[in-house]
C-alpha atoms as a PDB file:
ATOM      1  CA  UNK A   1     -10.389 -16.800  17.282  1.00  0.00           C
ATOM      2  CA  UNK A   2      -7.562 -17.575  14.845  1.00  0.00           C
ATOM      3  CA  UNK A   3      -7.678 -20.735  12.820  1.00  0.00           C
ATOM      4  CA  UNK A   4      -5.529 -23.551  14.165  1.00  0.00           C
ATOM      5  CA  UNK A   5      -5.308 -25.441  10.895  1.00  0.00           C
ATOM      6  CA  UNK A   6      -1.907 -25.217   9.226  1.00  0.00           C
ATOM      7  CA  UNK A   7      -1.342 -22.921   6.276  1.00  0.00           C
ATOM      8  CA  UNK A   8      -1.077 -25.046   3.196  1.00  0.00           C
ATOM      9  CA  UNK A   9      -0.574 -24.194  -0.447  1.00  0.00           C
ATOM     10  CA  UNK A  10      -4.321 -23.688  -0.984  1.00  0.00           C
ATOM     11  CA  UNK A  11      -4.623 -21.094   1.810  1.00  0.00           C
ATOM     12  CA  UNK A  12      -1.479 -19.316   0.656  1.00  0.00           C
ATOM     13  CA  UNK A  13      -2.766 -19.239  -2.938  1.00  0.00           C
ATOM     14  CA  UNK A  14      -6.100 -17.750  -1.762  1.00  0.00           C
ATOM     15  CA  UNK A  15      -4.325 -15.110   0.314  1.00  0.00           C
ATOM     16  CA  UNK A  16      -2.153 -14.225  -2.684  1.00  0.00           C
ATOM     17  CA  UNK A  17      -5.255 -13.960  -4.893  1.00  0.00           C
ATOM     18  CA  UNK A  18      -6.914 -11.549  -2.425  1.00  0.00           C
ATOM     19  CA  UNK A  19      -3.754  -9.474  -2.235  1.00  0.00           C
ATOM     20  CA  UNK A  20      -3.630  -9.201  -6.015  1.00  0.00           C
ATOM     21  CA  UNK A  21      -7.300  -8.152  -6.032  1.00  0.00           C
ATOM     22  CA  UNK A  22      -6.410  -5.399  -3.568  1.00  0.00           C
ATOM     23  CA  UNK A  23      -3.515  -4.202  -5.707  1.00  0.00           C
ATOM     24  CA  UNK A  24      -5.720  -4.176  -8.818  1.00  0.00           C
ATOM     25  CA  UNK A  25      -8.411  -2.216  -6.973  1.00  0.00           C
ATOM     26  CA  UNK A  26      -5.859   0.323  -5.749  1.00  0.00           C
ATOM     27  CA  UNK A  27      -4.450   0.713  -9.267  1.00  0.00           C
ATOM     28  CA  UNK A  28      -7.913   1.073 -10.792  1.00  0.00           C
ATOM     29  CA  UNK A  29      -9.432   3.464  -8.236  1.00  0.00           C
ATOM     30  CA  UNK A  30      -6.575   5.410  -6.613  1.00  0.00           C
ATOM     31  CA  UNK A  31      -4.786   8.055  -8.675  1.00  0.00           C
ATOM     32  CA  UNK A  32      -2.187   8.559  -5.929  1.00  0.00           C
ATOM     33  CA  UNK A  33      -1.307   4.865  -5.977  1.00  0.00           C
ATOM     34  CA  UNK A  34      -0.913   4.931  -9.762  1.00  0.00           C
ATOM     35  CA  UNK A  35       1.368   7.978  -9.547  1.00  0.00           C
ATOM     36  CA  UNK A  36       3.489   6.337  -6.861  1.00  0.00           C
ATOM     37  CA  UNK A  37       3.585   3.147  -8.941  1.00  0.00           C
ATOM     38  CA  UNK A  38       4.916   5.074 -11.940  1.00  0.00           C
ATOM     39  CA  UNK A  39       7.496   6.771  -9.720  1.00  0.00           C
ATOM     40  CA  UNK A  40       8.492   3.365  -8.344  1.00  0.00           C
ATOM     41  CA  UNK A  41       9.143   2.075 -11.870  1.00  0.00           C
ATOM     42  CA  UNK A  42      11.416   5.067 -12.512  1.00  0.00           C
ATOM     43  CA  UNK A  43      13.101   5.388  -9.111  1.00  0.00           C
ATOM     44  CA  UNK A  44      13.685   1.707  -8.298  1.00  0.00           C
ATOM     45  CA  UNK A  45      16.264   1.172 -11.056  1.00  0.00           C
ATOM     46  CA  UNK A  46      17.784   4.538 -10.169  1.00  0.00           C
ATOM     47  CA  UNK A  47      18.095   3.470  -6.524  1.00  0.00           C
ATOM     48  CA  UNK A  48      19.700   0.196  -7.561  1.00  0.00           C
ATOM     49  CA  UNK A  49      22.140   2.081  -9.765  1.00  0.00           C
ATOM     50  CA  UNK A  50      23.007   4.816  -7.258  1.00  0.00           C
ATOM     51  CA  UNK A  51      23.222   2.602  -4.178  1.00  0.00           C
ATOM     52  CA  UNK A  52      26.727   1.685  -3.052  1.00  0.00           C
ATOM     53  CA  UNK A  53      26.475  -1.869  -1.809  1.00  0.00           C
ATOM     54  CA  UNK A  54      23.576  -4.105  -0.949  1.00  0.00           C
ATOM     55  CA  UNK A  55      22.534  -2.249   2.198  1.00  0.00           C
ATOM     56  CA  UNK A  56      22.184   1.124   0.478  1.00  0.00           C
ATOM     57  CA  UNK A  57      20.311  -0.437  -2.426  1.00  0.00           C
ATOM     58  CA  UNK A  58      17.955  -2.225  -0.030  1.00  0.00           C
ATOM     59  CA  UNK A  59      17.290   1.011   1.879  1.00  0.00           C
ATOM     60  CA  UNK A  60      16.620   2.998  -1.296  1.00  0.00           C
ATOM     61  CA  UNK A  61      14.287   0.416  -2.806  1.00  0.00           C
ATOM     62  CA  UNK A  62      12.753  -0.450   0.569  1.00  0.00           C
ATOM     63  CA  UNK A  63      11.750   3.164   1.145  1.00  0.00           C
ATOM     64  CA  UNK A  64       9.865   3.107  -2.159  1.00  0.00           C
ATOM     65  CA  UNK A  65       8.074  -0.087  -1.145  1.00  0.00           C
ATOM     66  CA  UNK A  66       7.142   1.511   2.189  1.00  0.00           C
ATOM     67  CA  UNK A  67       5.556   4.464   0.380  1.00  0.00           C
ATOM     68  CA  UNK A  68       3.424   2.082  -1.701  1.00  0.00           C
ATOM     69  CA  UNK A  69       2.438   0.143   1.429  1.00  0.00           C
ATOM     70  CA  UNK A  70       1.521   3.329   3.288  1.00  0.00           C
ATOM     71  CA  UNK A  71      -0.573   4.460   0.307  1.00  0.00           C
ATOM     72  CA  UNK A  72      -2.462   1.157   0.324  1.00  0.00           C
ATOM     73  CA  UNK A  73      -3.194   1.560   4.043  1.00  0.00           C
ATOM     74  CA  UNK A  74      -4.234   5.186   3.519  1.00  0.00           C
ATOM     75  CA  UNK A  75      -6.564   4.163   0.697  1.00  0.00           C
ATOM     76  CA  UNK A  76      -8.097   1.481   2.923  1.00  0.00           C
ATOM     77  CA  UNK A  77      -8.679   4.028   5.704  1.00  0.00           C
ATOM     78  CA  UNK A  78     -10.237   6.484   3.260  1.00  0.00           C
ATOM     79  CA  UNK A  79     -12.507   3.815   1.764  1.00  0.00           C
ATOM     80  CA  UNK A  80     -13.838   2.678   5.131  1.00  0.00           C
ATOM     81  CA  UNK A  81     -14.300   6.267   6.338  1.00  0.00           C
ATOM     82  CA  UNK A  82     -16.214   7.146   3.160  1.00  0.00           C
ATOM     83  CA  UNK A  83     -18.348   4.004   3.574  1.00  0.00           C
ATOM     84  CA  UNK A  84     -19.254   4.709   7.200  1.00  0.00           C
ATOM     85  CA  UNK A  85     -19.562   8.513   7.016  1.00  0.00           C
ATOM     86  CA  UNK A  86     -20.672   9.786   3.600  1.00  0.00           C
ATOM     87  CA  UNK A  87     -21.266  13.312   4.943  1.00  0.00           C
ATOM     88  CA  UNK A  88     -18.460  15.460   6.324  1.00  0.00           C
ATOM     89  CA  UNK A  89     -17.491  14.802   9.919  1.00  0.00           C
ATOM     90  CA  UNK A  90     -14.527  16.355  11.720  1.00  0.00           C
ATOM     91  CA  UNK A  91     -13.215  13.003  12.962  1.00  0.00           C
ATOM     92  CA  UNK A  92     -13.579  11.416   9.520  1.00  0.00           C
ATOM     93  CA  UNK A  93     -11.634  14.296   7.976  1.00  0.00           C
ATOM     94  CA  UNK A  94      -8.977  13.998  10.670  1.00  0.00           C
ATOM     95  CA  UNK A  95      -8.596  10.239  10.055  1.00  0.00           C
ATOM     96  CA  UNK A  96      -8.189  10.802   6.319  1.00  0.00           C
ATOM     97  CA  UNK A  97      -5.689  13.616   6.876  1.00  0.00           C
ATOM     98  CA  UNK A  98      -3.637  11.463   9.241  1.00  0.00           C
ATOM     99  CA  UNK A  99      -3.587   8.617   6.716  1.00  0.00           C
ATOM    100  CA  UNK A 100      -2.399  11.041   4.057  1.00  0.00           C
ATOM    101  CA  UNK A 101       0.304  12.346   6.383  1.00  0.00           C
ATOM    102  CA  UNK A 102       1.519   8.796   6.967  1.00  0.00           C
ATOM    103  CA  UNK A 103       2.233   8.446   3.259  1.00  0.00           C
END
């Protein structure tokens, strides 16, 4: 059951802290995330420079952000699959492949 207490600065600060922990873990443990992070640093300014108008710039940069978000979700799926099924299983492999395809 969801909490009915209002979100205050303390809850928002805790949620932000947990999100930063997740980003640090992805950076530390996921080579694909690091590669996509490096590409983001290169391609984001390029997208801002090449985009004609605010909408094009938002689409170009937004697509890069979506790739990073999809990689985080894929990494989460892979981590939980590896935790629950250390040996090879067809369904586990399929779940990991689908997560990779989403990226």
